[in-house]
Amino acid sequence: LKTVNNQLCALFNHAVRFYGLSSNPCRRAESMGSKSAGEMRFWTKDQYLRFSDEVMDKPLSFHAFETLYWCGVREGELLALKPRRFDFERGTLTIAESYQRIDGQDVLTDPKTPKSKRVIAMPRFYAEEMEAFLSLLGLDPDERIFPVTKYFLSHEMARGSKAAGITYRYAHLFPSVQADMARALDGARREN
């Protein structure tokens, strides 16, 4: 919201300066959004591993959270994933859709932003886990892997967090360092 407000203010300032607009209407309203974002807290590897141990009793939940944590995808992107999006030979996962529930219907849309369409380098251990999981499911290439809701994920997150004795925050990996992170995570995960 802060970015939108800043852009609108800049446009109106330009119109005042060059096109005769009498005043900038943004100055009458308060600035939108927060001037400073709150602190982002990330799970440590040990915290995540404690959490994943607690949700391992439900394979669908376990693999959903493995995907969220190790690949840094959004919930809607996770819920839209299909087997054909995984390239196990190259070790990549393509994000091309997002899941939404609209008027009681399951809808797959473009991701949040154009840059959200991306190819993610998967840590090797995760790719091996996911390939085995998909072979057990026996899905068609265009079938959703995780046919659950965001509510289900929230419930499972709360269940696992409580059992592991940790709080949770959602975070993304930065695309520019994602491939390096996948390699580092692969090494870090194998240390356990």
Protein backbone atom coordinates (compact mmCIF):
# COMPACT_ATOMS: atom_id res chain seq x y z
CA LEU A 1 0.00 0.00 0.00
CA LYS A 2 2.85 2.34 0.82
CA THR A 3 4.35 1.81 -2.66
CA VAL A 4 0.99 2.43 -4.38
CA ASN A 5 0.50 5.59 -2.33
CA ASN A 6 3.99 6.85 -3.19
CA GLN A 7 3.44 6.22 -6.90
CA LEU A 8 0.06 7.98 -6.90
CA CYS A 9 1.55 10.93 -5.03
CA ALA A 10 4.38 11.18 -7.57
CA LEU A 11 1.91 11.10 -10.49
CA PHE A 12 -0.24 13.83 -8.96
CA ASN A 13 2.85 15.94 -8.15
CA HIS A 14 3.81 15.66 -11.83
CA ALA A 15 0.29 16.72 -12.86
CA VAL A 16 0.44 19.73 -10.51
CA ARG A 17 3.83 20.77 -11.81
CA PHE A 18 3.33 20.26 -15.55
CA TYR A 19 -0.39 19.95 -16.34
CA GLY A 20 -2.15 22.53 -14.18
CA LEU A 21 -3.72 20.27 -11.54
CA SER A 22 -4.56 22.66 -8.69
CA SER A 23 -3.36 20.44 -5.86
CA ASN A 24 -2.25 16.91 -5.12
CA PRO A 25 -5.24 15.01 -3.64
CA CYS A 26 -2.86 12.60 -1.88
CA ARG A 27 -1.82 15.41 0.46
CA ARG A 28 -5.36 15.53 1.90
CA ALA A 29 -5.25 11.89 2.93
CA GLU A 30 -2.83 10.21 5.26
CA SER A 31 -0.11 8.06 3.79
CA MET A 32 -1.13 4.45 3.28
CA GLY A 33 0.82 1.49 4.57
CA SER A 34 3.51 1.27 7.20
CA LYS A 35 6.62 3.46 7.08
CA SER A 36 8.69 0.65 8.47
CA ALA A 37 7.92 -3.00 8.08
CA GLY A 38 7.84 -5.16 11.17
CA GLU A 39 10.73 -7.45 11.96
CA MET A 40 10.71 -10.65 9.89
CA ARG A 41 11.51 -13.71 11.94
CA PHE A 42 12.60 -16.89 10.21
CA TRP A 43 12.62 -20.44 11.46
CA THR A 44 16.03 -21.86 12.00
CA LYS A 45 16.79 -25.20 10.38
CA ASP A 46 16.45 -26.90 13.79
CA GLN A 47 13.06 -25.28 14.42
CA TYR A 48 11.79 -26.38 11.02
CA LEU A 49 13.07 -29.92 11.51
CA ARG A 50 11.28 -30.12 14.89
CA PHE A 51 8.11 -28.86 13.20
CA SER A 52 8.43 -31.29 10.26
CA ASP A 53 8.81 -34.21 12.67
CA GLU A 54 5.44 -33.26 14.16
CA VAL A 55 3.59 -33.19 10.82
CA MET A 56 5.29 -36.28 9.39
CA ASP A 57 2.31 -38.40 10.51
CA LYS A 58 0.36 -36.90 7.57
CA PRO A 59 2.42 -37.36 4.37
CA LEU A 60 0.42 -34.76 2.43
CA SER A 61 1.04 -32.15 5.14
CA PHE A 62 4.69 -33.10 5.49
CA HIS A 63 5.40 -32.76 1.76
CA ALA A 64 3.40 -29.53 1.52
CA PHE A 65 5.52 -27.95 4.25
CA GLU A 66 8.72 -29.37 2.77
CA THR A 67 7.82 -27.55 -0.45
CA LEU A 68 6.95 -24.31 1.32
CA TYR A 69 10.08 -24.30 3.46
CA TRP A 70 12.80 -25.62 1.16
CA CYS A 71 11.55 -24.04 -2.09
CA GLY A 72 10.08 -20.79 -0.73
CA VAL A 73 6.79 -20.92 -2.65
CA ARG A 74 3.59 -19.15 -1.61
CA GLU A 75 0.59 -21.11 -0.34
CA GLY A 76 -1.47 -20.46 -3.48
CA GLU A 77 1.45 -21.58 -5.66
CA LEU A 78 1.83 -24.75 -3.58
CA LEU A 79 -1.87 -25.60 -3.87
CA ALA A 80 -1.73 -25.20 -7.66
CA LEU A 81 1.29 -27.50 -8.13
CA LYS A 82 0.97 -30.37 -10.58
CA PRO A 83 3.40 -33.25 -11.19
CA ARG A 84 4.37 -31.88 -14.61
CA ARG A 85 5.87 -28.79 -12.96
CA PHE A 86 8.71 -30.90 -11.51
CA ASP A 87 11.79 -31.62 -13.61
CA PHE A 88 13.71 -34.13 -11.54
CA GLU A 89 16.49 -34.51 -14.11
CA ARG A 90 17.30 -30.80 -13.95
CA GLY A 91 16.36 -30.47 -10.28
CA THR A 92 13.88 -27.65 -10.93
CA LEU A 93 10.33 -26.73 -10.04
CA THR A 94 8.37 -24.38 -12.31
CA ILE A 95 5.90 -22.00 -10.70
CA ALA A 96 3.31 -21.01 -13.29
CA GLU A 97 -0.05 -20.93 -11.48
CA SER A 98 -1.68 -20.02 -8.20
CA TYR A 99 -4.72 -21.61 -6.53
CA GLN A 100 -7.69 -19.60 -5.31
CA ARG A 101 -11.17 -20.48 -4.11
CA ILE A 102 -13.59 -18.08 -5.83
CA ASP A 103 -17.37 -18.33 -5.38
CA GLY A 104 -17.04 -21.89 -4.12
CA GLN A 105 -14.96 -22.99 -7.11
CA ASP A 106 -11.33 -24.09 -7.29
CA VAL A 107 -9.62 -21.70 -9.70
CA LEU A 108 -6.04 -21.69 -10.99
CA THR A 109 -4.83 -18.22 -11.96
CA ASP A 110 -1.56 -16.59 -12.90
CA PRO A 111 0.71 -16.11 -9.87
CA LYS A 112 0.64 -12.95 -7.75
CA THR A 113 2.91 -10.91 -10.05
CA PRO A 114 4.51 -11.49 -13.49
CA LYS A 115 7.87 -12.08 -11.78
CA SER A 116 6.22 -14.80 -9.69
CA LYS A 117 6.35 -17.10 -12.73
CA ARG A 118 9.73 -18.65 -12.15
CA VAL A 119 11.87 -21.76 -12.12
CA ILE A 120 13.16 -22.79 -8.70
CA ALA A 121 16.27 -24.87 -8.12
CA MET A 122 15.32 -27.68 -5.73
CA PRO A 123 17.68 -29.03 -3.08
CA ARG A 124 18.60 -32.58 -4.15
CA PHE A 125 17.23 -34.24 -0.98
CA TYR A 126 13.90 -32.46 -1.49
CA ALA A 127 13.72 -33.50 -5.16
CA GLU A 128 14.35 -37.13 -4.15
CA GLU A 129 11.65 -36.96 -1.44
CA MET A 130 9.15 -35.37 -3.81
CA GLU A 131 9.83 -37.79 -6.66
CA ALA A 132 9.18 -40.73 -4.31
CA PHE A 133 6.02 -39.06 -2.93
CA LEU A 134 4.64 -38.38 -6.42
CA SER A 135 5.30 -41.97 -7.51
CA LEU A 136 3.23 -43.18 -4.52
CA LEU A 137 0.36 -40.83 -5.37
CA GLY A 138 0.19 -41.93 -9.01
CA LEU A 139 -1.37 -38.66 -10.18
CA ASP A 140 -1.97 -37.55 -13.75
CA PRO A 141 0.55 -34.87 -14.85
CA ASP A 142 -2.11 -32.12 -14.65
CA GLU A 143 -3.72 -33.17 -11.36
CA ARG A 144 -3.21 -30.98 -8.30
CA ILE A 145 -0.75 -32.58 -5.89
CA PHE A 146 -2.16 -30.87 -2.80
CA PRO A 147 -5.98 -30.81 -3.18
CA VAL A 148 -6.47 -29.10 0.20
CA THR A 149 -7.33 -25.58 1.29
CA LYS A 150 -5.33 -22.74 2.84
CA TYR A 151 -7.40 -23.36 5.98
CA PHE A 152 -6.11 -26.94 6.09
CA LEU A 153 -2.52 -25.70 5.82
CA SER A 154 -3.11 -23.11 8.55
CA HIS A 155 -4.59 -25.78 10.82
CA GLU A 156 -1.66 -28.12 10.16
CA MET A 157 0.83 -25.28 10.72
CA ALA A 158 -0.77 -24.51 14.08
CA ARG A 159 -0.85 -28.21 15.03
CA GLY A 160 2.79 -28.80 14.13
CA SER A 161 4.01 -25.55 15.68
CA LYS A 162 2.22 -26.22 18.95
CA ALA A 163 3.53 -29.80 19.14
CA ALA A 164 7.08 -28.59 18.35
CA GLY A 165 6.84 -25.68 20.81
CA ILE A 166 7.63 -22.95 18.26
CA THR A 167 5.87 -19.96 16.70
CA TYR A 168 5.77 -19.45 12.97
CA ARG A 169 6.30 -16.79 10.32
CA TYR A 170 6.04 -17.04 6.54
CA ALA A 171 9.04 -16.03 4.40
CA HIS A 172 10.39 -16.32 0.86
CA LEU A 173 13.85 -16.95 -0.52
CA PHE A 174 15.17 -14.27 -2.86
CA PRO A 175 15.21 -15.53 -6.49
CA SER A 176 18.68 -14.14 -7.17
CA VAL A 177 20.23 -16.39 -4.56
CA GLN A 178 17.77 -19.28 -4.75
CA ALA A 179 20.03 -21.72 -6.66
CA ASP A 180 22.91 -21.10 -4.24
CA MET A 181 20.51 -21.49 -1.35
CA ALA A 182 19.24 -24.82 -2.73
CA ARG A 183 22.80 -26.16 -2.77
CA ALA A 184 23.52 -24.84 0.71
CA LEU A 185 20.25 -26.20 2.07
CA ASP A 186 21.00 -29.57 0.52
CA GLY A 187 24.29 -29.68 2.38
CA ALA A 188 22.75 -28.40 5.62
CA ARG A 189 19.90 -30.91 5.54
CA ARG A 190 22.23 -33.84 4.92
CA GLU A 191 24.24 -32.89 8.04
CA ASN A 192 21.40 -34.20 10.23
